[in-house]
Every structure is written in C-alpha cells, then in structure tokens.
Amino acid sequence: MEQTLAPAAKDEEEVLELDELWSFVYEKQRKRWIWLALSRRTRQVVAYAIGNRGEETCRKLWERIPKSYRAEGIFYSDFWESYQKVFPEDRHQAVGKESGQTNHVERWNCTLRQRLGRFVRKTLSFSKSEEMHEVCLVLFLHYYNRLCL
C-alpha cells in the first residue's frame, strides 16, 4: 500500500491502531480475515493483509507497514495473541476496547461494512473469488485514504 502522507515530525509520536475483521469468499465457511493498520494522526489505512487469523497473516501485515512506522511507531491492538508474537514488545500495547486506544480502527471497520455490501456478515452481495475480494478492498482503501487528505 502506498504511503500518501509523510510520517510524523521527529518530536511527534506516530501511533498505529491495529485490528482485524472477518469476511468471507463465496460461502461463510470460507472466512477471510482482513488485518489493518490505521494511522491515528492521518486516519489513513497504511497497511492491510488478508488471510486467516493466525500469526502468518499478522506477520504479513507487519511486513507491509512502511519502514518508517515500523522503526519508530507505537502500536495498539486487542489482546489477540498473534500481535504479541509479531510486533515489538517495547512498542506494542494490547488494550481493551474500553481504553479508547483502538477507537479509530474499530470505527473504520464499521465504515467498511456500511459502504461495501460484500463485507457485511449477512448479505447477498459476496465475493465469488479471492482476487475480487481483495480488489474491492484495495479500491475502497485508496478511495478512503484520498478522502482523508
């Protein structure tokens, strides 16, 4: 995913909120988890990964986060164990929803579900292929990130 804004200034902390949401391709038994990293400062999604809910997909998300964020960013996520295995312990913090540290990415998940029918849990609009599922997500990400500028 292309980074559209520069990282935070030297004296400013860059915070990424992490979360995952499930969707499916063709039938509900074929769940696909969408992992997201959202910049709190810009409200843009800076990285995503699609796969299962395991460590492998979490690692893919980590690798897609731009280097500048990986080097100095602070990461907030829920208590899902894959985050603790992949993200640096000194800069990652697992928090509950009541803390408010992941509010923006949680809200983004709702926006995605409201605007794209194929990401709603009970829907007649579903992706029939993995490729189309990802294409629709990427198109929406680019559209959404442009609106944040």
C-alpha atoms as a PDB file:
ATOM      1  CA  MET A   1       0.000   0.000   0.000  1.00  0.00           C
ATOM      2  CA  GLU A   2       1.445   3.339  -0.946  1.00  0.00           C
ATOM      3  CA  GLN A   3       2.016   5.820   1.803  1.00  0.00           C
ATOM      4  CA  THR A   4       0.298   9.073   0.881  1.00  0.00           C
ATOM      5  CA  LEU A   5       1.461  11.274   3.764  1.00  0.00           C
ATOM      6  CA  ALA A   6       4.863  11.707   5.335  1.00  0.00           C
ATOM      7  CA  PRO A   7       5.479  10.156   8.748  1.00  0.00           C
ATOM      8  CA  ALA A   8       5.157  12.300  11.840  1.00  0.00           C
ATOM      9  CA  ALA A   9       7.689  15.001  12.654  1.00  0.00           C
ATOM     10  CA  LYS A  10      10.687  13.996  14.796  1.00  0.00           C
ATOM     11  CA  ASP A  11       9.100  15.313  18.001  1.00  0.00           C
ATOM     12  CA  GLU A  12       5.708  13.721  17.252  1.00  0.00           C
ATOM     13  CA  GLU A  13       4.887  10.112  18.087  1.00  0.00           C
ATOM     14  CA  GLU A  14       3.417   8.013  15.265  1.00  0.00           C
ATOM     15  CA  VAL A  15       0.634   5.774  16.571  1.00  0.00           C
ATOM     16  CA  LEU A  16      -0.866   2.904  14.589  1.00  0.00           C
ATOM     17  CA  GLU A  17      -4.084   1.217  15.634  1.00  0.00           C
ATOM     18  CA  LEU A  18      -4.316  -2.453  14.638  1.00  0.00           C
ATOM     19  CA  ASP A  19      -7.384  -4.621  14.207  1.00  0.00           C
ATOM     20  CA  GLU A  20      -8.819  -7.463  12.209  1.00  0.00           C
ATOM     21  CA  LEU A  21     -12.305  -8.175  10.907  1.00  0.00           C
ATOM     22  CA  TRP A  22     -13.729 -11.214   9.205  1.00  0.00           C
ATOM     23  CA  SER A  23     -15.443 -11.534   5.901  1.00  0.00           C
ATOM     24  CA  PHE A  24     -15.944 -14.455   3.558  1.00  0.00           C
ATOM     25  CA  VAL A  25     -15.493 -15.502  -0.047  1.00  0.00           C
ATOM     26  CA  TYR A  26     -18.359 -17.357  -1.735  1.00  0.00           C
ATOM     27  CA  GLU A  27     -19.641 -19.040   1.456  1.00  0.00           C
ATOM     28  CA  LYS A  28     -19.427 -18.279   5.164  1.00  0.00           C
ATOM     29  CA  GLN A  29     -17.302 -21.350   5.793  1.00  0.00           C
ATOM     30  CA  ARG A  30     -14.523 -19.693   3.739  1.00  0.00           C
ATOM     31  CA  LYS A  31     -13.692 -16.935   6.217  1.00  0.00           C
ATOM     32  CA  ARG A  32     -11.095 -14.346   5.326  1.00  0.00           C
ATOM     33  CA  TRP A  33      -9.668 -12.042   7.957  1.00  0.00           C
ATOM     34  CA  ILE A  34      -8.734  -8.512   6.985  1.00  0.00           C
ATOM     35  CA  TRP A  35      -5.922  -7.156   9.164  1.00  0.00           C
ATOM     36  CA  LEU A  36      -5.496  -3.375   9.243  1.00  0.00           C
ATOM     37  CA  ALA A  37      -3.000  -0.787  10.463  1.00  0.00           C
ATOM     38  CA  LEU A  38      -4.521   2.700  10.694  1.00  0.00           C
ATOM     39  CA  SER A  39      -2.544   5.860  11.430  1.00  0.00           C
ATOM     40  CA  ARG A  40      -4.123   7.791  14.282  1.00  0.00           C
ATOM     41  CA  ARG A  41      -2.597  11.060  13.063  1.00  0.00           C
ATOM     42  CA  THR A  42      -3.776  10.894   9.439  1.00  0.00           C
ATOM     43  CA  ARG A  43      -6.731   8.455   9.839  1.00  0.00           C
ATOM     44  CA  GLN A  44      -5.415   6.587   6.809  1.00  0.00           C
ATOM     45  CA  VAL A  45      -5.004   2.857   6.475  1.00  0.00           C
ATOM     46  CA  VAL A  46      -1.248   2.425   5.949  1.00  0.00           C
ATOM     47  CA  ALA A  47      -1.232  -1.384   5.579  1.00  0.00           C
ATOM     48  CA  TYR A  48      -3.549  -4.354   5.246  1.00  0.00           C
ATOM     49  CA  ALA A  49      -3.321  -8.118   4.922  1.00  0.00           C
ATOM     50  CA  ILE A  50      -5.923 -10.734   4.032  1.00  0.00           C
ATOM     51  CA  GLY A  51      -5.740 -14.325   5.249  1.00  0.00           C
ATOM     52  CA  ASN A  52      -6.582 -16.404   8.276  1.00  0.00           C
ATOM     53  CA  ARG A  53      -6.469 -15.178  11.863  1.00  0.00           C
ATOM     54  CA  GLY A  54      -3.046 -16.666  12.567  1.00  0.00           C
ATOM     55  CA  GLU A  55       0.476 -15.472  13.075  1.00  0.00           C
ATOM     56  CA  GLU A  56       1.376 -15.825   9.383  1.00  0.00           C
ATOM     57  CA  THR A  57      -1.159 -13.199   8.289  1.00  0.00           C
ATOM     58  CA  CYS A  58      -0.198 -10.942  11.189  1.00  0.00           C
ATOM     59  CA  ARG A  59       3.422 -11.168  10.041  1.00  0.00           C
ATOM     60  CA  LYS A  60       2.311 -10.225   6.507  1.00  0.00           C
ATOM     61  CA  LEU A  61       0.645  -7.113   7.981  1.00  0.00           C
ATOM     62  CA  TRP A  62       3.859  -6.243   9.845  1.00  0.00           C
ATOM     63  CA  GLU A  63       5.915  -6.550   6.670  1.00  0.00           C
ATOM     64  CA  ARG A  64       3.509  -4.300   4.739  1.00  0.00           C
ATOM     65  CA  ILE A  65       3.683  -1.488   7.286  1.00  0.00           C
ATOM     66  CA  PRO A  66       6.060   1.172   5.877  1.00  0.00           C
ATOM     67  CA  LYS A  67       9.575   1.025   7.381  1.00  0.00           C
ATOM     68  CA  SER A  68       9.343   4.464   8.958  1.00  0.00           C
ATOM     69  CA  TYR A  69       6.324   3.371  11.014  1.00  0.00           C
ATOM     70  CA  ARG A  70       7.919   0.018  11.917  1.00  0.00           C
ATOM     71  CA  ALA A  71      11.090   1.721  13.111  1.00  0.00           C
ATOM     72  CA  GLU A  72       9.559   4.245  15.480  1.00  0.00           C
ATOM     73  CA  GLY A  73       5.793   3.729  15.699  1.00  0.00           C
ATOM     74  CA  ILE A  74       3.714   2.839  18.733  1.00  0.00           C
ATOM     75  CA  PHE A  75       1.187   0.048  18.111  1.00  0.00           C
ATOM     76  CA  TYR A  76      -2.142  -0.552  19.860  1.00  0.00           C
ATOM     77  CA  SER A  77      -4.175  -3.700  19.312  1.00  0.00           C
ATOM     78  CA  ASP A  78      -6.583  -6.007  21.070  1.00  0.00           C
ATOM     79  CA  PHE A  79      -5.346  -8.998  23.053  1.00  0.00           C
ATOM     80  CA  TRP A  80      -5.172 -11.401  20.091  1.00  0.00           C
ATOM     81  CA  GLU A  81      -2.016 -13.457  20.674  1.00  0.00           C
ATOM     82  CA  SER A  82      -0.622 -13.113  17.138  1.00  0.00           C
ATOM     83  CA  TYR A  83       0.078  -9.426  17.771  1.00  0.00           C
ATOM     84  CA  GLN A  84       2.247 -10.238  20.801  1.00  0.00           C
ATOM     85  CA  LYS A  85       4.257 -12.741  18.736  1.00  0.00           C
ATOM     86  CA  VAL A  86       4.904 -10.428  15.774  1.00  0.00           C
ATOM     87  CA  PHE A  87       5.013  -6.799  16.961  1.00  0.00           C
ATOM     88  CA  PRO A  88       7.960  -5.486  19.033  1.00  0.00           C
ATOM     89  CA  GLU A  89       7.250  -5.885  22.721  1.00  0.00           C
ATOM     90  CA  ASP A  90       8.651  -2.475  23.676  1.00  0.00           C
ATOM     91  CA  ARG A  91       6.377  -0.558  21.256  1.00  0.00           C
ATOM     92  CA  HIS A  92       3.251  -2.721  21.177  1.00  0.00           C
ATOM     93  CA  GLN A  93       0.461  -2.470  23.710  1.00  0.00           C
ATOM     94  CA  ALA A  94      -2.535  -4.783  23.915  1.00  0.00           C
ATOM     95  CA  VAL A  95      -5.573  -2.879  25.187  1.00  0.00           C
ATOM     96  CA  GLY A  96      -9.283  -3.453  25.672  1.00  0.00           C
ATOM     97  CA  LYS A  97     -11.960  -1.598  23.741  1.00  0.00           C
ATOM     98  CA  GLU A  98     -12.819   0.436  26.847  1.00  0.00           C
ATOM     99  CA  SER A  99      -9.369   2.108  26.732  1.00  0.00           C
ATOM    100  CA  GLY A 100     -10.278   4.006  23.548  1.00  0.00           C
ATOM    101  CA  GLN A 101      -6.855   3.320  22.007  1.00  0.00           C
ATOM    102  CA  THR A 102      -8.347   1.447  19.032  1.00  0.00           C
ATOM    103  CA  ASN A 103     -11.481   3.541  18.503  1.00  0.00           C
ATOM    104  CA  HIS A 104     -10.487   4.859  15.072  1.00  0.00           C
ATOM    105  CA  VAL A 105      -9.727   1.489  13.511  1.00  0.00           C
ATOM    106  CA  GLU A 106     -12.895  -0.007  15.048  1.00  0.00           C
ATOM    107  CA  ARG A 107     -14.883   2.857  13.505  1.00  0.00           C
ATOM    108  CA  TRP A 108     -13.136   2.240  10.182  1.00  0.00           C
ATOM    109  CA  ASN A 109     -14.308  -1.385  10.266  1.00  0.00           C
ATOM    110  CA  CYS A 110     -17.891  -0.145  10.628  1.00  0.00           C
ATOM    111  CA  THR A 111     -17.395   2.261   7.711  1.00  0.00           C
ATOM    112  CA  LEU A 112     -16.147  -0.579   5.528  1.00  0.00           C
ATOM    113  CA  ARG A 113     -19.139  -2.757   6.409  1.00  0.00           C
ATOM    114  CA  GLN A 114     -21.589   0.108   5.802  1.00  0.00           C
ATOM    115  CA  ARG A 115     -20.212   1.109   2.419  1.00  0.00           C
ATOM    116  CA  LEU A 116     -19.349  -2.258   0.862  1.00  0.00           C
ATOM    117  CA  GLY A 117     -22.072  -4.893   0.910  1.00  0.00           C
ATOM    118  CA  ARG A 118     -19.661  -7.778   0.382  1.00  0.00           C
ATOM    119  CA  PHE A 119     -18.092  -7.150   3.821  1.00  0.00           C
ATOM    120  CA  VAL A 120     -21.370  -7.355   5.743  1.00  0.00           C
ATOM    121  CA  ARG A 121     -21.822 -10.578   7.684  1.00  0.00           C
ATOM    122  CA  LYS A 122     -25.370 -11.287   6.464  1.00  0.00           C
ATOM    123  CA  THR A 123     -25.538 -10.302   2.833  1.00  0.00           C
ATOM    124  CA  LEU A 124     -26.481 -11.369  -0.650  1.00  0.00           C
ATOM    125  CA  SER A 125     -23.525  -9.369  -2.018  1.00  0.00           C
ATOM    126  CA  PHE A 126     -20.482 -11.559  -1.591  1.00  0.00           C
ATOM    127  CA  SER A 127     -17.191 -12.055  -3.387  1.00  0.00           C
ATOM    128  CA  LYS A 128     -17.011 -15.130  -5.552  1.00  0.00           C
ATOM    129  CA  SER A 129     -13.213 -15.100  -5.822  1.00  0.00           C
ATOM    130  CA  GLU A 130     -10.241 -14.222  -3.627  1.00  0.00           C
ATOM    131  CA  GLU A 131      -8.958 -11.813  -6.259  1.00  0.00           C
ATOM    132  CA  MET A 132     -12.177  -9.811  -6.485  1.00  0.00           C
ATOM    133  CA  HIS A 133     -12.430  -9.691  -2.698  1.00  0.00           C
ATOM    134  CA  GLU A 134      -9.011  -8.077  -2.457  1.00  0.00           C
ATOM    135  CA  VAL A 135      -9.540  -5.791  -5.467  1.00  0.00           C
ATOM    136  CA  CYS A 136     -12.709  -4.354  -3.903  1.00  0.00           C
ATOM    137  CA  LEU A 137     -10.915  -3.805  -0.595  1.00  0.00           C
ATOM    138  CA  VAL A 138      -7.925  -2.094  -2.230  1.00  0.00           C
ATOM    139  CA  LEU A 139     -10.141   0.192  -4.328  1.00  0.00           C
ATOM    140  CA  PHE A 140     -12.045   1.217  -1.217  1.00  0.00           C
ATOM    141  CA  LEU A 141      -8.788   1.778   0.719  1.00  0.00           C
ATOM    142  CA  HIS A 142      -7.462   4.120  -1.968  1.00  0.00           C
ATOM    143  CA  TYR A 143     -10.779   5.983  -2.131  1.00  0.00           C
ATOM    144  CA  TYR A 144     -10.950   6.292   1.658  1.00  0.00           C
ATOM    145  CA  ASN A 145      -7.312   7.383   2.041  1.00  0.00           C
ATOM    146  CA  ARG A 146      -7.778  10.092  -0.593  1.00  0.00           C
ATOM    147  CA  LEU A 147     -10.741  11.473   1.359  1.00  0.00           C
ATOM    148  CA  CYS A 148      -8.517  11.792   4.440  1.00  0.00           C
ATOM    149  CA  LEU A 149      -6.103  14.172   2.741  1.00  0.00           C
END
